[in-house]
Amino acid sequence: MGCIARDSVQQVGDDVYFLSATGIRSLKQVIFSADRVEMKEVTKVVRKELVSDMNSPTGNLAKIRATYNPEEGQYWIKAPGGNIWIVNNHNLIDSEEPRITKYTDTDWYSFVYFEGDTFIGHKGCIGKY
């Protein structure tokens, strides 16, 4: 198991998230037992759809982008086809599973968190979320 998209790696509080071939993984939850390592899968609830989205169109893993907004507790990841997946770690209910939102068919190219704001790059302009 490993990272399949370089730009998916983000520090999320005192953890690190990255995109693997089977979904978004967390390094913080590494459990060593005998001869194997288990990592927490952050997106197991939407695994099949997320993995399919990240692999379409085929061969475009270099177009995947991610950022983390510490104030909102949100990890954002953009699929090559334009869909944005947001993993919200500040749940409204007491649960171990994060809330996951999907924005479809966006024209956003990239995004970055800087000094309290998330900025979005969109075909010739930059906006603030």
Protein backbone atom coordinates (compact mmCIF):
# COMPACT_ATOMS: atom_id res chain seq x y z
CA MET A 1 0.00 0.00 0.00
CA GLY A 2 1.33 3.40 -0.86
CA CYS A 3 0.60 6.88 -2.09
CA ILE A 4 -0.57 7.03 -5.72
CA ALA A 5 -0.78 10.83 -6.09
CA ARG A 6 2.04 13.03 -4.82
CA ASP A 7 -0.14 16.11 -4.37
CA SER A 8 -2.64 14.23 -2.21
CA VAL A 9 -0.29 14.21 0.81
CA GLN A 10 -1.34 16.75 3.45
CA GLN A 11 -0.66 17.30 7.12
CA VAL A 12 -4.04 17.05 8.87
CA GLY A 13 -3.52 18.30 12.42
CA ASP A 14 -1.10 15.82 13.98
CA ASP A 15 -1.81 13.26 11.23
CA VAL A 16 -0.94 12.83 7.54
CA TYR A 17 -3.54 11.91 4.88
CA PHE A 18 -2.71 10.53 1.43
CA LEU A 19 -4.49 8.86 -1.48
CA SER A 20 -3.84 5.14 -1.93
CA ALA A 21 -5.24 2.79 -4.56
CA THR A 22 -8.02 1.91 -2.10
CA GLY A 23 -9.00 5.35 -0.79
CA ILE A 24 -7.71 8.07 1.51
CA ARG A 25 -5.48 6.74 4.28
CA SER A 26 -4.30 8.10 7.62
CA LEU A 27 -0.77 7.55 8.94
CA LYS A 28 -1.67 8.40 12.54
CA GLN A 29 -3.69 5.24 13.02
CA VAL A 30 -0.85 2.86 12.12
CA ILE A 31 -1.15 -0.35 14.15
CA PHE A 32 1.75 -2.79 14.23
CA SER A 33 0.78 -6.41 14.84
CA ALA A 34 3.09 -9.35 14.25
CA ASP A 35 4.27 -9.01 10.65
CA ARG A 36 1.78 -6.53 9.20
CA VAL A 37 0.83 -2.87 9.38
CA GLU A 38 -2.75 -1.64 9.29
CA MET A 39 -3.61 1.92 8.36
CA LYS A 40 -6.89 3.65 9.01
CA GLU A 41 -8.98 4.15 5.88
CA VAL A 42 -10.63 7.55 6.11
CA THR A 43 -13.06 7.06 3.19
CA LYS A 44 -14.29 3.49 3.66
CA VAL A 45 -17.95 4.62 3.49
CA VAL A 46 -17.46 5.96 -0.08
CA ARG A 47 -14.47 3.81 -1.11
CA LYS A 48 -15.78 2.42 -4.40
CA GLU A 49 -17.06 5.74 -5.77
CA LEU A 50 -14.00 7.71 -4.62
CA VAL A 51 -11.49 5.23 -6.10
CA SER A 52 -13.41 5.17 -9.38
CA ASP A 53 -13.51 8.98 -9.44
CA MET A 54 -9.76 9.32 -8.76
CA ASN A 55 -8.97 6.91 -11.63
CA SER A 56 -11.12 8.64 -14.28
CA PRO A 57 -10.06 9.61 -16.77
CA THR A 58 -7.38 6.92 -16.69
CA GLY A 59 -3.75 7.99 -16.45
CA ASN A 60 -4.36 11.42 -14.91
CA LEU A 61 -3.19 10.88 -11.32
CA ALA A 62 -0.84 13.87 -11.70
CA LYS A 63 -3.92 16.13 -11.87
CA ILE A 64 -5.02 15.23 -8.33
CA ARG A 65 -4.66 18.14 -5.88
CA ALA A 66 -5.31 18.38 -2.14
CA THR A 67 -5.24 20.90 0.70
CA TYR A 68 -6.20 21.03 4.37
CA ASN A 69 -8.04 23.82 6.20
CA PRO A 70 -7.20 23.45 9.92
CA GLU A 71 -9.83 25.94 11.10
CA GLU A 72 -12.67 24.03 9.42
CA GLY A 73 -11.03 20.61 9.85
CA GLN A 74 -11.46 19.89 6.14
CA TYR A 75 -9.20 17.84 3.83
CA TRP A 76 -10.01 18.69 0.19
CA ILE A 77 -9.00 16.45 -2.72
CA LYS A 78 -9.71 17.07 -6.41
CA ALA A 79 -10.25 14.18 -8.82
CA PRO A 80 -8.87 14.42 -12.40
CA GLY A 81 -12.40 14.74 -13.82
CA GLY A 82 -13.19 17.84 -11.71
CA ASN A 83 -15.07 16.41 -8.72
CA ILE A 84 -13.98 17.71 -5.31
CA TRP A 85 -14.19 15.47 -2.24
CA ILE A 86 -14.13 17.11 1.19
CA VAL A 87 -13.43 15.08 4.33
CA ASN A 88 -14.80 17.07 7.27
CA ASN A 89 -13.16 16.02 10.52
CA HIS A 90 -15.27 18.39 12.66
CA ASN A 91 -18.39 16.25 12.82
CA LEU A 92 -21.63 17.65 14.13
CA ILE A 93 -22.27 14.33 15.87
CA ASP A 94 -19.93 12.26 18.03
CA SER A 95 -18.66 9.70 15.54
CA GLU A 96 -15.34 8.24 14.43
CA GLU A 97 -16.36 8.53 10.77
CA PRO A 98 -15.80 11.91 9.11
CA ARG A 99 -18.54 13.56 7.07
CA ILE A 100 -17.68 13.42 3.36
CA THR A 101 -19.07 15.86 0.78
CA LYS A 102 -18.68 15.61 -2.99
CA TYR A 103 -18.90 18.63 -5.33
CA THR A 104 -19.46 17.44 -8.90
CA ASP A 105 -18.18 18.79 -12.21
CA THR A 106 -16.32 21.79 -10.83
CA ASP A 107 -14.06 23.97 -12.95
CA TRP A 108 -11.65 24.46 -10.05
CA TYR A 109 -8.07 23.63 -10.94
CA SER A 110 -6.39 23.81 -7.55
CA PHE A 111 -6.75 25.18 -4.04
CA VAL A 112 -4.54 26.16 -1.12
CA TYR A 113 -5.04 27.15 2.52
CA PHE A 114 -3.11 30.27 3.55
CA GLU A 115 -3.39 32.42 6.70
CA GLY A 116 -6.98 31.57 7.56
CA ASP A 117 -8.47 31.37 4.05
CA THR A 118 -8.84 28.71 1.37
CA PHE A 119 -8.10 30.05 -2.10
CA ILE A 120 -9.40 28.34 -5.24
CA GLY A 121 -7.76 28.55 -8.68
CA HIS A 122 -10.28 28.57 -11.54
CA LYS A 123 -9.38 29.00 -15.23
CA GLY A 124 -7.61 32.34 -15.16
CA CYS A 125 -8.70 33.62 -11.74
CA ILE A 126 -8.26 33.03 -8.05
CA GLY A 127 -11.14 33.21 -5.59
CA LYS A 128 -11.65 32.81 -1.87
CA TYR A 129 -13.86 30.02 -0.51
